[in-house]
Structures are given as C-alpha cells and as structure tokens.
C-alpha cells in the first residue's frame, strides 16, 4: 500500500480547519453573545475583525493543517510500513 502524501493530507486538514474557521466567524456574526472572538485572537496571531485580520486567520488555519500533515504523515507512513513488515515476517 502506498503511503500518505503530505500535500494531500495538508490540504484536507487545512480545508477542514478553514471551513470550520469560516463557520465559526459566521456564528460569531449571527450570535455575538456566544462569540469565539477572544479564542481566535489567542490561537491565530494577527486575527482581528478587519478584512485583513479575517484573511490572516483563514490563511493561518490552512497553515495549521499543513503543520499537522508534516508531523502526522511521516509518522503514519513509518508505522504503516513497520506494521506491514512485521505482518509479513510473522
């Protein structure tokens, strides 16, 4: 079996985080009493309620997705290869 690719997992996880980010921003606009604005300010450096700040937050969520992929994919591929090799030897 072929291993995972960092780019594929990065875009997948980054896309998931970016979509979640957009939904949360929309939630904050609709329900300001339950806003996550203070959390976004802590998690996403440069985030603010300006067009530039929202764009920075979006880009950072994509970057976090690639960060996860850079760590997860090599680890997964290594463990998958090791498990496959161990199964053949058994």
PDB file of N, CA and C in Angstrom:
ATOM      1  N   UNK A   1       0.854  -1.193   0.000  1.00  0.00           N
ATOM      2  CA  UNK A   1       0.000   0.000   0.000  1.00  0.00           C
ATOM      3  C   UNK A   1       0.889   1.242   0.000  1.00  0.00           C
ATOM      4  N   UNK A   2       0.507   2.206  -0.801  1.00  0.00           N
ATOM      5  CA  UNK A   2       1.255   3.457  -0.859  1.00  0.00           C
ATOM      6  C   UNK A   2       0.995   4.287   0.395  1.00  0.00           C
ATOM      7  N   UNK A   3       2.000   5.062   0.767  1.00  0.00           N
ATOM      8  CA  UNK A   3       1.867   5.924   1.926  1.00  0.00           C
ATOM      9  C   UNK A   3       1.069   7.178   1.622  1.00  0.00           C
ATOM     10  N   UNK A   4       0.738   7.888   2.659  1.00  0.00           N
ATOM     11  CA  UNK A   4       0.032   9.161   2.515  1.00  0.00           C
ATOM     12  C   UNK A   4       0.990  10.223   1.995  1.00  0.00           C
ATOM     13  N   UNK A   5       0.436  11.234   1.335  1.00  0.00           N
ATOM     14  CA  UNK A   5       1.221  12.367   0.859  1.00  0.00           C
ATOM     15  C   UNK A   5       0.949  13.571   1.757  1.00  0.00           C
ATOM     16  N   UNK A   6       2.010  14.284   2.086  1.00  0.00           N
ATOM     17  CA  UNK A   6       1.871  15.462   2.940  1.00  0.00           C
ATOM     18  C   UNK A   6       0.945  16.485   2.299  1.00  0.00           C
ATOM     19  N   UNK A   7       1.067  16.694   0.991  1.00  0.00           N
ATOM     20  CA  UNK A   7       0.237  17.708   0.333  1.00  0.00           C
ATOM     21  C   UNK A   7      -1.250  17.351   0.392  1.00  0.00           C
ATOM     22  N   UNK A   8      -1.566  16.083   0.180  1.00  0.00           N
ATOM     23  CA  UNK A   8      -2.971  15.665   0.213  1.00  0.00           C
ATOM     24  C   UNK A   8      -3.559  15.814   1.610  1.00  0.00           C
ATOM     25  N   UNK A   9      -2.830  15.335   2.593  1.00  0.00           N
ATOM     26  CA  UNK A   9      -3.313  15.436   3.976  1.00  0.00           C
ATOM     27  C   UNK A   9      -3.320  16.901   4.419  1.00  0.00           C
ATOM     28  N   UNK A  10      -2.308  17.662   4.007  1.00  0.00           N
ATOM     29  CA  UNK A  10      -2.256  19.083   4.363  1.00  0.00           C
ATOM     30  C   UNK A  10      -3.451  19.855   3.850  1.00  0.00           C
ATOM     31  N   UNK A  11      -3.780  19.646   2.569  1.00  0.00           N
ATOM     32  CA  UNK A  11      -4.950  20.344   2.009  1.00  0.00           C
ATOM     33  C   UNK A  11      -6.249  19.851   2.647  1.00  0.00           C
ATOM     34  N   UNK A  12      -6.314  18.559   2.964  1.00  0.00           N
ATOM     35  CA  UNK A  12      -7.525  18.013   3.581  1.00  0.00           C
ATOM     36  C   UNK A  12      -7.741  18.570   4.979  1.00  0.00           C
ATOM     37  N   UNK A  13      -6.717  18.503   5.808  1.00  0.00           N
ATOM     38  CA  UNK A  13      -6.840  19.007   7.181  1.00  0.00           C
ATOM     39  C   UNK A  13      -6.943  20.528   7.175  1.00  0.00           C
ATOM     40  N   UNK A  14      -6.147  21.181   6.331  1.00  0.00           N
ATOM     41  CA  UNK A  14      -6.227  22.639   6.219  1.00  0.00           C
ATOM     42  C   UNK A  14      -7.600  23.089   5.761  1.00  0.00           C
ATOM     43  N   UNK A  15      -8.165  22.362   4.798  1.00  0.00           N
ATOM     44  CA  UNK A  15      -9.517  22.681   4.331  1.00  0.00           C
ATOM     45  C   UNK A  15     -10.551  22.505   5.422  1.00  0.00           C
ATOM     46  N   UNK A  16     -10.425  21.424   6.174  1.00  0.00           N
ATOM     47  CA  UNK A  16     -11.336  21.193   7.298  1.00  0.00           C
ATOM     48  C   UNK A  16     -11.261  22.341   8.302  1.00  0.00           C
ATOM     49  N   UNK A  17     -10.030  22.729   8.654  1.00  0.00           N
ATOM     50  CA  UNK A  17      -9.867  23.819   9.617  1.00  0.00           C
ATOM     51  C   UNK A  17     -10.356  25.153   9.056  1.00  0.00           C
ATOM     52  N   UNK A  18     -10.100  25.409   7.774  1.00  0.00           N
ATOM     53  CA  UNK A  18     -10.536  26.659   7.159  1.00  0.00           C
ATOM     54  C   UNK A  18     -12.060  26.744   7.095  1.00  0.00           C
ATOM     55  N   UNK A  19     -12.698  25.642   6.724  1.00  0.00           N
ATOM     56  CA  UNK A  19     -14.175  25.617   6.689  1.00  0.00           C
ATOM     57  C   UNK A  19     -14.729  25.826   8.094  1.00  0.00           C
ATOM     58  N   UNK A  20     -14.126  25.166   9.077  1.00  0.00           N
ATOM     59  CA  UNK A  20     -14.566  25.341  10.467  1.00  0.00           C
ATOM     60  C   UNK A  20     -14.390  26.786  10.915  1.00  0.00           C
ATOM     61  N   UNK A  21     -13.272  27.395  10.530  1.00  0.00           N
ATOM     62  CA  UNK A  21     -12.999  28.795  10.861  1.00  0.00           C
ATOM     63  C   UNK A  21     -14.079  29.711  10.282  1.00  0.00           C
ATOM     64  N   UNK A  22     -14.396  29.524   8.999  1.00  0.00           N
ATOM     65  CA  UNK A  22     -15.419  30.360   8.356  1.00  0.00           C
ATOM     66  C   UNK A  22     -16.766  30.174   9.045  1.00  0.00           C
ATOM     67  N   UNK A  23     -17.129  28.932   9.360  1.00  0.00           N
ATOM     68  CA  UNK A  23     -18.396  28.688  10.053  1.00  0.00           C
ATOM     69  C   UNK A  23     -18.415  29.352  11.423  1.00  0.00           C
ATOM     70  N   UNK A  24     -17.297  29.329  12.121  1.00  0.00           N
ATOM     71  CA  UNK A  24     -17.228  29.980  13.431  1.00  0.00           C
ATOM     72  C   UNK A  24     -17.317  31.499  13.323  1.00  0.00           C
ATOM     73  N   UNK A  25     -16.702  32.063  12.297  1.00  0.00           N
ATOM     74  CA  UNK A  25     -16.803  33.515  12.091  1.00  0.00           C
ATOM     75  C   UNK A  25     -18.260  33.892  11.787  1.00  0.00           C
ATOM     76  N   UNK A  26     -18.916  33.103  10.952  1.00  0.00           N
ATOM     77  CA  UNK A  26     -20.335  33.358  10.656  1.00  0.00           C
ATOM     78  C   UNK A  26     -21.167  33.225  11.932  1.00  0.00           C
ATOM     79  N   UNK A  27     -20.868  32.205  12.729  1.00  0.00           N
ATOM     80  CA  UNK A  27     -21.558  32.018  14.015  1.00  0.00           C
ATOM     81  C   UNK A  27     -21.391  33.254  14.895  1.00  0.00           C
ATOM     82  N   UNK A  28     -20.160  33.797  14.950  1.00  0.00           N
ATOM     83  CA  UNK A  28     -19.896  34.982  15.764  1.00  0.00           C
ATOM     84  C   UNK A  28     -20.707  36.178  15.300  1.00  0.00           C
ATOM     85  N   UNK A  29     -20.909  36.292  13.997  1.00  0.00           N
ATOM     86  CA  UNK A  29     -21.702  37.409  13.453  1.00  0.00           C
ATOM     87  C   UNK A  29     -23.179  37.235  13.805  1.00  0.00           C
ATOM     88  N   UNK A  30     -23.674  36.002  13.695  1.00  0.00           N
ATOM     89  CA  UNK A  30     -25.097  35.735  13.956  1.00  0.00           C
ATOM     90  C   UNK A  30     -25.407  35.756  15.451  1.00  0.00           C
ATOM     91  N   UNK A  31     -24.515  35.192  16.266  1.00  0.00           N
ATOM     92  CA  UNK A  31     -24.731  35.085  17.711  1.00  0.00           C
ATOM     93  C   UNK A  31     -23.575  35.738  18.465  1.00  0.00           C
ATOM     94  N   UNK A  32     -23.514  37.057  18.508  1.00  0.00           N
ATOM     95  CA  UNK A  32     -22.376  37.729  19.145  1.00  0.00           C
ATOM     96  C   UNK A  32     -22.246  37.433  20.650  1.00  0.00           C
ATOM     97  N   UNK A  33     -23.320  37.054  21.290  1.00  0.00           N
ATOM     98  CA  UNK A  33     -23.264  36.721  22.710  1.00  0.00           C
ATOM     99  C   UNK A  33     -22.487  35.438  22.983  1.00  0.00           C
ATOM    100  N   UNK A  34     -22.400  34.581  21.984  1.00  0.00           N
ATOM    101  CA  UNK A  34     -21.681  33.313  22.117  1.00  0.00           C
ATOM    102  C   UNK A  34     -20.433  33.297  21.244  1.00  0.00           C
ATOM    103  N   UNK A  35     -19.919  34.457  20.954  1.00  0.00           N
ATOM    104  CA  UNK A  35     -18.795  34.595  20.031  1.00  0.00           C
ATOM    105  C   UNK A  35     -17.530  33.935  20.561  1.00  0.00           C
ATOM    106  N   UNK A  36     -16.743  33.438  19.626  1.00  0.00           N
ATOM    107  CA  UNK A  36     -15.448  32.840  19.952  1.00  0.00           C
ATOM    108  C   UNK A  36     -14.310  33.803  19.640  1.00  0.00           C
ATOM    109  N   UNK A  37     -14.656  35.042  19.408  1.00  0.00           N
ATOM    110  CA  UNK A  37     -13.675  36.062  19.042  1.00  0.00           C
ATOM    111  C   UNK A  37     -12.455  36.077  19.965  1.00  0.00           C
ATOM    112  N   UNK A  38     -12.625  36.051  21.289  1.00  0.00           N
ATOM    113  CA  UNK A  38     -11.444  36.066  22.164  1.00  0.00           C
ATOM    114  C   UNK A  38     -10.540  34.833  21.967  1.00  0.00           C
ATOM    115  N   UNK A  39     -11.129  33.699  21.665  1.00  0.00           N
ATOM    116  CA  UNK A  39     -10.346  32.492  21.441  1.00  0.00           C
ATOM    117  C   UNK A  39      -9.540  32.613  20.154  1.00  0.00           C
ATOM    118  N   UNK A  40     -10.173  33.123  19.096  1.00  0.00           N
ATOM    119  CA  UNK A  40      -9.466  33.284  17.811  1.00  0.00           C
ATOM    120  C   UNK A  40      -8.285  34.238  17.960  1.00  0.00           C
ATOM    121  N   UNK A  41      -8.450  35.281  18.774  1.00  0.00           N
ATOM    122  CA  UNK A  41      -7.338  36.218  18.984  1.00  0.00           C
ATOM    123  C   UNK A  41      -6.124  35.526  19.617  1.00  0.00           C
ATOM    124  N   UNK A  42      -6.373  34.559  20.494  1.00  0.00           N
ATOM    125  CA  UNK A  42      -5.278  33.858  21.159  1.00  0.00           C
ATOM    126  C   UNK A  42      -4.652  32.786  20.270  1.00  0.00           C
ATOM    127  N   UNK A  43      -5.477  32.100  19.480  1.00  0.00           N
ATOM    128  CA  UNK A  43      -4.990  30.997  18.655  1.00  0.00           C
ATOM    129  C   UNK A  43      -4.386  31.438  17.325  1.00  0.00           C
ATOM    130  N   UNK A  44      -4.846  32.554  16.807  1.00  0.00           N
ATOM    131  CA  UNK A  44      -4.429  32.994  15.475  1.00  0.00           C
ATOM    132  C   UNK A  44      -3.780  34.374  15.550  1.00  0.00           C
ATOM    133  N   UNK A  45      -2.457  34.433  15.632  1.00  0.00           N
ATOM    134  CA  UNK A  45      -1.773  35.736  15.695  1.00  0.00           C
ATOM    135  C   UNK A  45      -2.125  36.599  14.487  1.00  0.00           C
ATOM    136  N   UNK A  46      -2.485  37.830  14.725  1.00  0.00           N
ATOM    137  CA  UNK A  46      -2.849  38.743  13.649  1.00  0.00           C
ATOM    138  C   UNK A  46      -4.336  38.773  13.351  1.00  0.00           C
ATOM    139  N   UNK A  47      -5.104  37.875  13.962  1.00  0.00           N
ATOM    140  CA  UNK A  47      -6.553  37.851  13.750  1.00  0.00           C
ATOM    141  C   UNK A  47      -7.191  39.091  14.352  1.00  0.00           C
ATOM    142  N   UNK A  48      -8.115  39.678  13.610  1.00  0.00           N
ATOM    143  CA  UNK A  48      -8.936  40.785  14.114  1.00  0.00           C
ATOM    144  C   UNK A  48     -10.201  40.838  13.266  1.00  0.00           C
ATOM    145  N   UNK A  49     -11.128  41.687  13.671  1.00  0.00           N
ATOM    146  CA  UNK A  49     -12.380  41.818  12.929  1.00  0.00           C
ATOM    147  C   UNK A  49     -12.241  42.818  11.785  1.00  0.00           C
ATOM    148  N   UNK A  50     -11.164  42.757  11.079  1.00  0.00           N
ATOM    149  CA  UNK A  50     -10.994  43.542   9.860  1.00  0.00           C
ATOM    150  C   UNK A  50     -10.856  42.556   8.707  1.00  0.00           C
ATOM    151  N   UNK A  51     -10.972  43.047   7.490  1.00  0.00           N
ATOM    152  CA  UNK A  51     -10.824  42.159   6.328  1.00  0.00           C
ATOM    153  C   UNK A  51      -9.453  41.484   6.331  1.00  0.00           C
ATOM    154  N   UNK A  52      -8.412  42.264   6.619  1.00  0.00           N
ATOM    155  CA  UNK A  52      -7.057  41.703   6.648  1.00  0.00           C
ATOM    156  C   UNK A  52      -6.915  40.691   7.784  1.00  0.00           C
ATOM    157  N   UNK A  53      -7.456  40.993   8.945  1.00  0.00           N
ATOM    158  CA  UNK A  53      -7.370  40.087  10.090  1.00  0.00           C
ATOM    159  C   UNK A  53      -8.107  38.781   9.853  1.00  0.00           C
ATOM    160  N   UNK A  54      -9.276  38.862   9.217  1.00  0.00           N
ATOM    161  CA  UNK A  54     -10.024  37.647   8.893  1.00  0.00           C
ATOM    162  C   UNK A  54      -9.276  36.809   7.860  1.00  0.00           C
ATOM    163  N   UNK A  55      -8.660  37.459   6.878  1.00  0.00           N
ATOM    164  CA  UNK A  55      -7.879  36.745   5.864  1.00  0.00           C
ATOM    165  C   UNK A  55      -6.659  36.079   6.501  1.00  0.00           C
ATOM    166  N   UNK A  56      -5.997  36.784   7.406  1.00  0.00           N
ATOM    167  CA  UNK A  56      -4.848  36.200   8.112  1.00  0.00           C
ATOM    168  C   UNK A  56      -5.291  34.956   8.887  1.00  0.00           C
ATOM    169  N   UNK A  57      -6.413  35.040   9.565  1.00  0.00           N
ATOM    170  CA  UNK A  57      -6.930  33.887  10.302  1.00  0.00           C
ATOM    171  C   UNK A  57      -7.207  32.705   9.383  1.00  0.00           C
ATOM    172  N   UNK A  58      -7.767  32.974   8.213  1.00  0.00           N
ATOM    173  CA  UNK A  58      -8.057  31.923   7.243  1.00  0.00           C
ATOM    174  C   UNK A  58      -6.763  31.262   6.766  1.00  0.00           C
ATOM    175  N   UNK A  59      -5.783  32.058   6.430  1.00  0.00           N
ATOM    176  CA  UNK A  59      -4.500  31.537   5.959  1.00  0.00           C
ATOM    177  C   UNK A  59      -3.811  30.729   7.062  1.00  0.00           C
ATOM    178  N   UNK A  60      -3.909  31.218   8.290  1.00  0.00           N
ATOM    179  CA  UNK A  60      -3.282  30.502   9.402  1.00  0.00           C
ATOM    180  C   UNK A  60      -3.944  29.149   9.655  1.00  0.00           C
ATOM    181  N   UNK A  61      -5.255  29.051   9.477  1.00  0.00           N
ATOM    182  CA  UNK A  61      -5.906  27.754   9.659  1.00  0.00           C
ATOM    183  C   UNK A  61      -5.415  26.764   8.600  1.00  0.00           C
ATOM    184  N   UNK A  62      -5.220  27.233   7.375  1.00  0.00           N
ATOM    185  CA  UNK A  62      -4.646  26.366   6.345  1.00  0.00           C
ATOM    186  C   UNK A  62      -3.229  25.942   6.730  1.00  0.00           C
ATOM    187  N   UNK A  63      -2.455  26.876   7.239  1.00  0.00           N
ATOM    188  CA  UNK A  63      -1.079  26.570   7.645  1.00  0.00           C
ATOM    189  C   UNK A  63      -1.058  25.556   8.791  1.00  0.00           C
ATOM    190  N   UNK A  64      -1.978  25.672   9.736  1.00  0.00           N
ATOM    191  CA  UNK A  64      -2.055  24.697  10.820  1.00  0.00           C
ATOM    192  C   UNK A  64      -2.342  23.305  10.270  1.00  0.00           C
ATOM    193  N   UNK A  65      -3.168  23.231   9.229  1.00  0.00           N
ATOM    194  CA  UNK A  65      -3.454  21.945   8.595  1.00  0.00           C
ATOM    195  C   UNK A  65      -2.197  21.315   8.026  1.00  0.00           C
ATOM    196  N   UNK A  66      -1.351  22.124   7.384  1.00  0.00           N
ATOM    197  CA  UNK A  66      -0.102  21.598   6.847  1.00  0.00           C
ATOM    198  C   UNK A  66       0.875  21.241   7.965  1.00  0.00           C
ATOM    199  N   UNK A  67       0.847  21.981   9.045  1.00  0.00           N
ATOM    200  CA  UNK A  67       1.684  21.643  10.202  1.00  0.00           C
ATOM    201  C   UNK A  67       1.315  20.244  10.716  1.00  0.00           C
ATOM    202  N   UNK A  68       0.033  19.986  10.835  1.00  0.00           N
ATOM    203  CA  UNK A  68      -0.425  18.664  11.272  1.00  0.00           C
ATOM    204  C   UNK A  68       0.051  17.600  10.285  1.00  0.00           C
ATOM    205  N   UNK A  69      -0.090  17.874   8.993  1.00  0.00           N
ATOM    206  CA  UNK A  69       0.302  16.899   7.973  1.00  0.00           C
ATOM    207  C   UNK A  69       1.800  16.620   8.010  1.00  0.00           C
ATOM    208  N   UNK A  70       2.605  17.644   8.211  1.00  0.00           N
ATOM    209  CA  UNK A  70       4.066  17.476   8.232  1.00  0.00           C
ATOM    210  C   UNK A  70       4.490  16.555   9.368  1.00  0.00           C
ATOM    211  N   UNK A  71       3.764  16.592  10.471  1.00  0.00           N
ATOM    212  CA  UNK A  71       4.093  15.714  11.597  1.00  0.00           C
ATOM    213  C   UNK A  71       3.410  14.350  11.450  1.00  0.00           C
ATOM    214  N   UNK A  72       2.143  14.345  11.056  1.00  0.00           N
ATOM    215  CA  UNK A  72       1.351  13.118  11.025  1.00  0.00           C
ATOM    216  C   UNK A  72       1.760  12.163   9.910  1.00  0.00           C
ATOM    217  N   UNK A  73       1.952  12.665   8.690  1.00  0.00           N
ATOM    218  CA  UNK A  73       2.173  11.787   7.540  1.00  0.00           C
ATOM    219  C   UNK A  73       3.436  10.943   7.660  1.00  0.00           C
ATOM    220  N   UNK A  74       4.599  11.529   7.964  1.00  0.00           N
ATOM    221  CA  UNK A  74       5.772  10.663   8.100  1.00  0.00           C
ATOM    222  C   UNK A  74       5.624   9.629   9.225  1.00  0.00           C
ATOM    223  N   UNK A  75       5.011  10.034  10.318  1.00  0.00           N
ATOM    224  CA  UNK A  75       4.794   9.114  11.429  1.00  0.00           C
ATOM    225  C   UNK A  75       3.860   7.982  11.002  1.00  0.00           C
ATOM    226  N   UNK A  76       2.769   8.318  10.357  1.00  0.00           N
ATOM    227  CA  UNK A  76       1.817   7.311   9.874  1.00  0.00           C
ATOM    228  C   UNK A  76       2.476   6.368   8.882  1.00  0.00           C
ATOM    229  N   UNK A  77       3.193   6.932   7.898  1.00  0.00           N
ATOM    230  CA  UNK A  77       3.837   6.101   6.882  1.00  0.00           C
ATOM    231  C   UNK A  77       4.867   5.163   7.501  1.00  0.00           C
ATOM    232  N   UNK A  78       5.637   5.659   8.462  1.00  0.00           N
ATOM    233  CA  UNK A  78       6.625   4.826   9.142  1.00  0.00           C
ATOM    234  C   UNK A  78       5.946   3.681   9.881  1.00  0.00           C
ATOM    235  N   UNK A  79       4.918   4.003  10.660  1.00  0.00           N
ATOM    236  CA  UNK A  79       4.238   2.968  11.430  1.00  0.00           C
ATOM    237  C   UNK A  79       3.509   1.982  10.533  1.00  0.00           C
ATOM    238  N   UNK A  80       2.958   2.463   9.439  1.00  0.00           N
ATOM    239  CA  UNK A  80       2.282   1.573   8.492  1.00  0.00           C
ATOM    240  C   UNK A  80       3.289   0.611   7.858  1.00  0.00           C
ATOM    241  N   UNK A  81       4.434   1.125   7.456  1.00  0.00           N
ATOM    242  CA  UNK A  81       5.473   0.288   6.865  1.00  0.00           C
ATOM    243  C   UNK A  81       5.975  -0.736   7.877  1.00  0.00           C
ATOM    244  N   UNK A  82       6.169  -0.289   9.096  1.00  0.00           N
ATOM    245  CA  UNK A  82       6.649  -1.183  10.152  1.00  0.00           C
ATOM    246  C   UNK A  82       5.628  -2.285  10.447  1.00  0.00           C
ATOM    247  N   UNK A  83       4.345  -1.932  10.522  1.00  0.00           N
ATOM    248  CA  UNK A  83       3.305  -2.913  10.782  1.00  0.00           C
ATOM    249  C   UNK A  83       3.203  -3.907   9.624  1.00  0.00           C
ATOM    250  N   UNK A  84       3.336  -3.415   8.397  1.00  0.00           N
ATOM    251  CA  UNK A  84       3.259  -4.286   7.209  1.00  0.00           C
ATOM    252  C   UNK A  84       4.442  -5.249   7.196  1.00  0.00           C
ATOM    253  N   UNK A  85       5.638  -4.759   7.523  1.00  0.00           N
ATOM    254  CA  UNK A  85       6.832  -5.595   7.561  1.00  0.00           C
ATOM    255  C   UNK A  85       6.703  -6.642   8.655  1.00  0.00           C
ATOM    256  N   UNK A  86       6.203  -6.263   9.804  1.00  0.00           N
ATOM    257  CA  UNK A  86       6.039  -7.181  10.925  1.00  0.00           C
ATOM    258  C   UNK A  86       5.018  -8.264  10.573  1.00  0.00           C
ATOM    259  N   UNK A  87       3.952  -7.900   9.860  1.00  0.00           N
ATOM    260  CA  UNK A  87       2.924  -8.869   9.476  1.00  0.00           C
ATOM    261  C   UNK A  87       3.494  -9.891   8.481  1.00  0.00           C
ATOM    262  N   UNK A  88       4.353  -9.453   7.601  1.00  0.00           N
ATOM    263  CA  UNK A  88       4.944 -10.366   6.619  1.00  0.00           C
ATOM    264  C   UNK A  88       5.905 -11.334   7.310  1.00  0.00           C
ATOM    265  N   UNK A  89       6.672 -10.828   8.283  1.00  0.00           N
ATOM    266  CA  UNK A  89       7.638 -11.655   8.990  1.00  0.00           C
ATOM    267  C   UNK A  89       6.970 -12.693   9.887  1.00  0.00           C
ATOM    268  N   UNK A  90       5.772 -12.411  10.322  1.00  0.00           N
ATOM    269  CA  UNK A  90       5.100 -13.318  11.288  1.00  0.00           C
ATOM    270  C   UNK A  90       4.601 -14.580  10.668  1.00  0.00           C
TER     271      UNK A  90
END
